[in-house]
Amino acid sequence: MGLFKLLTFPVSGPVLGGKWVLDTILDQARRQHYDLAAIREQMAELETQYQSGLVSDEEFDRREEALLERLLEAREYHQSSPREGQA
């Protein structure tokens, strides 16, 4: 089997490298999307914009609902996914 891997490396090497890059990007995007602190920060920023009159009532309600849904989704994600460093 080692000879087969060696002979197919010119083709499989770039494919495996591309897969690693995509997996790394996906992991980073997932971390950012499910970051509880970032979601809370966005909610606080939205509240500030609303209080200063930069955001209408309808826009505030729409964005707040989306952030609350994302916060609940992030909490579920953190509860269901194994913590890093634990095996």
N, C-alpha and C. Protein backbone atom coordinates (compact mmCIF):
# COMPACT_ATOMS: atom_id res chain seq x y z
N MET A 1 0.82 -1.19 0.00
CA MET A 1 0.00 0.00 0.00
C MET A 1 0.87 1.26 0.00
N GLY A 2 2.04 1.18 0.59
CA GLY A 2 2.94 2.32 0.64
C GLY A 2 3.40 2.76 -0.73
N LEU A 3 3.64 1.78 -1.63
CA LEU A 3 4.06 2.08 -2.99
C LEU A 3 2.95 2.82 -3.73
N PHE A 4 1.71 2.40 -3.51
CA PHE A 4 0.57 3.06 -4.16
C PHE A 4 0.48 4.52 -3.73
N LYS A 5 0.63 4.77 -2.43
CA LYS A 5 0.59 6.16 -1.93
C LYS A 5 1.73 6.98 -2.52
N LEU A 6 2.88 6.36 -2.63
CA LEU A 6 4.04 7.05 -3.19
C LEU A 6 3.81 7.41 -4.65
N LEU A 7 3.25 6.48 -5.40
CA LEU A 7 3.02 6.70 -6.83
C LEU A 7 1.89 7.71 -7.09
N THR A 8 0.92 7.77 -6.20
CA THR A 8 -0.21 8.69 -6.40
C THR A 8 -0.01 10.02 -5.68
N PHE A 9 1.10 10.19 -5.01
CA PHE A 9 1.33 11.43 -4.27
C PHE A 9 1.27 12.69 -5.12
N PRO A 10 1.82 12.68 -6.35
CA PRO A 10 1.72 13.91 -7.15
C PRO A 10 0.28 14.38 -7.38
N VAL A 11 -0.66 13.45 -7.35
CA VAL A 11 -2.07 13.82 -7.52
C VAL A 11 -2.74 14.00 -6.16
N SER A 12 -2.51 13.06 -5.25
CA SER A 12 -3.21 13.10 -3.96
C SER A 12 -2.65 14.16 -3.02
N GLY A 13 -1.39 14.52 -3.16
CA GLY A 13 -0.79 15.53 -2.27
C GLY A 13 -1.52 16.86 -2.33
N PRO A 14 -1.69 17.44 -3.51
CA PRO A 14 -2.41 18.72 -3.60
C PRO A 14 -3.87 18.60 -3.16
N VAL A 15 -4.50 17.47 -3.43
CA VAL A 15 -5.89 17.27 -3.02
C VAL A 15 -5.98 17.25 -1.49
N LEU A 16 -5.09 16.49 -0.87
CA LEU A 16 -5.09 16.43 0.59
C LEU A 16 -4.73 17.79 1.21
N GLY A 17 -3.81 18.51 0.56
CA GLY A 17 -3.47 19.85 1.04
C GLY A 17 -4.65 20.80 0.93
N GLY A 18 -5.37 20.71 -0.17
CA GLY A 18 -6.57 21.54 -0.35
C GLY A 18 -7.64 21.20 0.68
N LYS A 19 -7.80 19.91 0.96
CA LYS A 19 -8.77 19.49 1.98
C LYS A 19 -8.37 20.05 3.35
N TRP A 20 -7.10 20.00 3.67
CA TRP A 20 -6.63 20.54 4.96
C TRP A 20 -6.93 22.04 5.05
N VAL A 21 -6.67 22.77 3.98
CA VAL A 21 -6.93 24.21 3.97
C VAL A 21 -8.42 24.48 4.17
N LEU A 22 -9.27 23.76 3.46
CA LEU A 22 -10.71 23.95 3.60
C LEU A 22 -11.20 23.58 4.99
N ASP A 23 -10.68 22.50 5.56
CA ASP A 23 -11.05 22.11 6.92
C ASP A 23 -10.62 23.18 7.93
N THR A 24 -9.44 23.74 7.74
CA THR A 24 -8.94 24.79 8.63
C THR A 24 -9.82 26.04 8.55
N ILE A 25 -10.18 26.43 7.34
CA ILE A 25 -11.05 27.61 7.16
C ILE A 25 -12.42 27.36 7.77
N LEU A 26 -12.96 26.16 7.56
CA LEU A 26 -14.26 25.82 8.13
C LEU A 26 -14.23 25.83 9.66
N ASP A 27 -13.17 25.31 10.25
CA ASP A 27 -13.03 25.32 11.71
C ASP A 27 -12.99 26.76 12.24
N GLN A 28 -12.24 27.62 11.58
CA GLN A 28 -12.14 29.01 12.01
C GLN A 28 -13.49 29.72 11.86
N ALA A 29 -14.17 29.49 10.77
CA ALA A 29 -15.48 30.11 10.56
C ALA A 29 -16.47 29.62 11.61
N ARG A 30 -16.41 28.34 11.95
CA ARG A 30 -17.29 27.78 12.96
C ARG A 30 -17.00 28.42 14.33
N ARG A 31 -15.71 28.57 14.66
CA ARG A 31 -15.35 29.22 15.94
C ARG A 31 -15.88 30.64 16.01
N GLN A 32 -15.75 31.39 14.93
CA GLN A 32 -16.22 32.77 14.92
C GLN A 32 -17.75 32.84 14.99
N HIS A 33 -18.42 31.95 14.27
CA HIS A 33 -19.89 31.98 14.24
C HIS A 33 -20.48 31.62 15.60
N TYR A 34 -19.85 30.68 16.31
CA TYR A 34 -20.37 30.21 17.58
C TYR A 34 -19.68 30.86 18.79
N ASP A 35 -18.99 31.96 18.60
CA ASP A 35 -18.31 32.66 19.69
C ASP A 35 -19.34 33.44 20.51
N LEU A 36 -19.60 32.98 21.72
CA LEU A 36 -20.63 33.60 22.57
C LEU A 36 -20.30 35.05 22.89
N ALA A 37 -19.05 35.35 23.16
CA ALA A 37 -18.66 36.71 23.50
C ALA A 37 -18.88 37.65 22.32
N ALA A 38 -18.57 37.19 21.12
CA ALA A 38 -18.76 38.03 19.93
C ALA A 38 -20.24 38.30 19.69
N ILE A 39 -21.09 37.30 19.92
CA ILE A 39 -22.53 37.49 19.74
C ILE A 39 -23.05 38.49 20.76
N ARG A 40 -22.62 38.36 22.00
CA ARG A 40 -23.05 39.32 23.03
C ARG A 40 -22.57 40.73 22.71
N GLU A 41 -21.38 40.83 22.18
CA GLU A 41 -20.84 42.14 21.78
C GLU A 41 -21.68 42.75 20.66
N GLN A 42 -22.07 41.93 19.71
CA GLN A 42 -22.92 42.42 18.62
C GLN A 42 -24.28 42.86 19.14
N MET A 43 -24.80 42.14 20.13
CA MET A 43 -26.08 42.53 20.73
C MET A 43 -25.96 43.87 21.46
N ALA A 44 -24.87 44.06 22.17
CA ALA A 44 -24.64 45.32 22.88
C ALA A 44 -24.48 46.47 21.88
N GLU A 45 -23.77 46.23 20.79
CA GLU A 45 -23.60 47.25 19.77
C GLU A 45 -24.93 47.60 19.12
N LEU A 46 -25.76 46.60 18.87
CA LEU A 46 -27.09 46.85 18.31
C LEU A 46 -27.93 47.68 19.26
N GLU A 47 -27.87 47.37 20.54
CA GLU A 47 -28.61 48.14 21.55
C GLU A 47 -28.17 49.60 21.57
N THR A 48 -26.86 49.82 21.48
CA THR A 48 -26.32 51.18 21.45
C THR A 48 -26.81 51.92 20.21
N GLN A 49 -26.79 51.25 19.07
CA GLN A 49 -27.27 51.87 17.83
C GLN A 49 -28.75 52.21 17.93
N TYR A 50 -29.52 51.33 18.55
CA TYR A 50 -30.96 51.56 18.70
C TYR A 50 -31.22 52.75 19.62
N GLN A 51 -30.51 52.80 20.74
CA GLN A 51 -30.71 53.89 21.68
C GLN A 51 -30.29 55.24 21.12
N SER A 52 -29.31 55.24 20.21
CA SER A 52 -28.88 56.50 19.61
C SER A 52 -29.71 56.87 18.38
N GLY A 53 -30.66 56.03 18.02
CA GLY A 53 -31.57 56.34 16.92
C GLY A 53 -31.04 55.96 15.55
N LEU A 54 -29.96 55.22 15.48
CA LEU A 54 -29.39 54.83 14.20
C LEU A 54 -30.12 53.64 13.57
N VAL A 55 -30.91 52.93 14.39
CA VAL A 55 -31.61 51.73 13.92
C VAL A 55 -33.09 51.89 14.25
N SER A 56 -33.94 51.58 13.27
CA SER A 56 -35.39 51.68 13.48
C SER A 56 -35.88 50.52 14.36
N ASP A 57 -37.12 50.65 14.84
CA ASP A 57 -37.70 49.60 15.67
C ASP A 57 -37.75 48.26 14.93
N GLU A 58 -38.19 48.31 13.68
CA GLU A 58 -38.31 47.08 12.90
C GLU A 58 -36.94 46.43 12.67
N GLU A 59 -35.96 47.24 12.32
CA GLU A 59 -34.61 46.74 12.08
C GLU A 59 -34.02 46.16 13.38
N PHE A 60 -34.25 46.86 14.48
CA PHE A 60 -33.76 46.38 15.77
C PHE A 60 -34.37 45.03 16.10
N ASP A 61 -35.69 44.91 15.96
CA ASP A 61 -36.36 43.64 16.26
C ASP A 61 -35.86 42.51 15.38
N ARG A 62 -35.68 42.79 14.09
CA ARG A 62 -35.22 41.76 13.16
C ARG A 62 -33.81 41.29 13.51
N ARG A 63 -32.91 42.25 13.73
CA ARG A 63 -31.52 41.90 14.03
C ARG A 63 -31.38 41.27 15.40
N GLU A 64 -32.15 41.75 16.38
CA GLU A 64 -32.08 41.18 17.72
C GLU A 64 -32.56 39.72 17.71
N GLU A 65 -33.64 39.46 16.98
CA GLU A 65 -34.14 38.09 16.89
C GLU A 65 -33.11 37.17 16.25
N ALA A 66 -32.47 37.64 15.20
CA ALA A 66 -31.44 36.84 14.53
C ALA A 66 -30.27 36.57 15.48
N LEU A 67 -29.86 37.57 16.25
CA LEU A 67 -28.75 37.38 17.18
C LEU A 67 -29.14 36.44 18.33
N LEU A 68 -30.38 36.54 18.80
CA LEU A 68 -30.83 35.65 19.87
C LEU A 68 -30.88 34.20 19.37
N GLU A 69 -31.35 34.00 18.15
CA GLU A 69 -31.36 32.65 17.57
C GLU A 69 -29.93 32.12 17.45
N ARG A 70 -29.03 32.97 17.01
CA ARG A 70 -27.63 32.57 16.87
C ARG A 70 -27.01 32.26 18.23
N LEU A 71 -27.38 33.04 19.26
CA LEU A 71 -26.87 32.79 20.61
C LEU A 71 -27.35 31.44 21.13
N LEU A 72 -28.62 31.13 20.93
CA LEU A 72 -29.14 29.83 21.35
C LEU A 72 -28.47 28.70 20.59
N GLU A 73 -28.28 28.89 19.29
CA GLU A 73 -27.60 27.90 18.47
C GLU A 73 -26.16 27.69 18.95
N ALA A 74 -25.49 28.77 19.31
CA ALA A 74 -24.11 28.69 19.79
C ALA A 74 -24.04 27.96 21.12
N ARG A 75 -24.99 28.23 22.00
CA ARG A 75 -25.00 27.52 23.29
C ARG A 75 -25.21 26.03 23.09
N GLU A 76 -26.13 25.68 22.19
CA GLU A 76 -26.36 24.25 21.90
C GLU A 76 -25.10 23.63 21.30
N TYR A 77 -24.45 24.36 20.42
CA TYR A 77 -23.22 23.86 19.80
C TYR A 77 -22.16 23.58 20.85
N HIS A 78 -21.97 24.51 21.78
CA HIS A 78 -20.93 24.34 22.81
C HIS A 78 -21.28 23.22 23.79
N GLN A 79 -22.57 23.00 24.03
CA GLN A 79 -22.96 21.93 24.93
C GLN A 79 -22.83 20.55 24.28
N SER A 80 -23.04 20.50 22.96
CA SER A 80 -23.03 19.20 22.28
C SER A 80 -21.64 18.82 21.76
N SER A 81 -20.78 19.80 21.51
CA SER A 81 -19.46 19.48 20.96
C SER A 81 -18.47 19.23 22.09
N PRO A 82 -17.57 18.27 21.88
CA PRO A 82 -16.56 18.00 22.91
C PRO A 82 -15.60 19.18 23.03
N ARG A 83 -15.19 19.44 24.22
CA ARG A 83 -14.26 20.55 24.47
C ARG A 83 -12.90 20.20 23.89
N GLU A 84 -12.19 21.23 23.39
CA GLU A 84 -10.84 21.03 22.87
C GLU A 84 -9.94 20.63 24.02
N GLY A 85 -9.08 19.69 23.77
CA GLY A 85 -8.13 19.27 24.79
C GLY A 85 -8.61 18.06 25.59
N GLN A 86 -9.90 17.69 25.42
CA GLN A 86 -10.41 16.53 26.11
C GLN A 86 -10.52 15.39 25.11
N ALA A 87 -10.15 14.22 25.53
CA ALA A 87 -10.25 13.06 24.62
C ALA A 87 -10.98 11.93 25.29
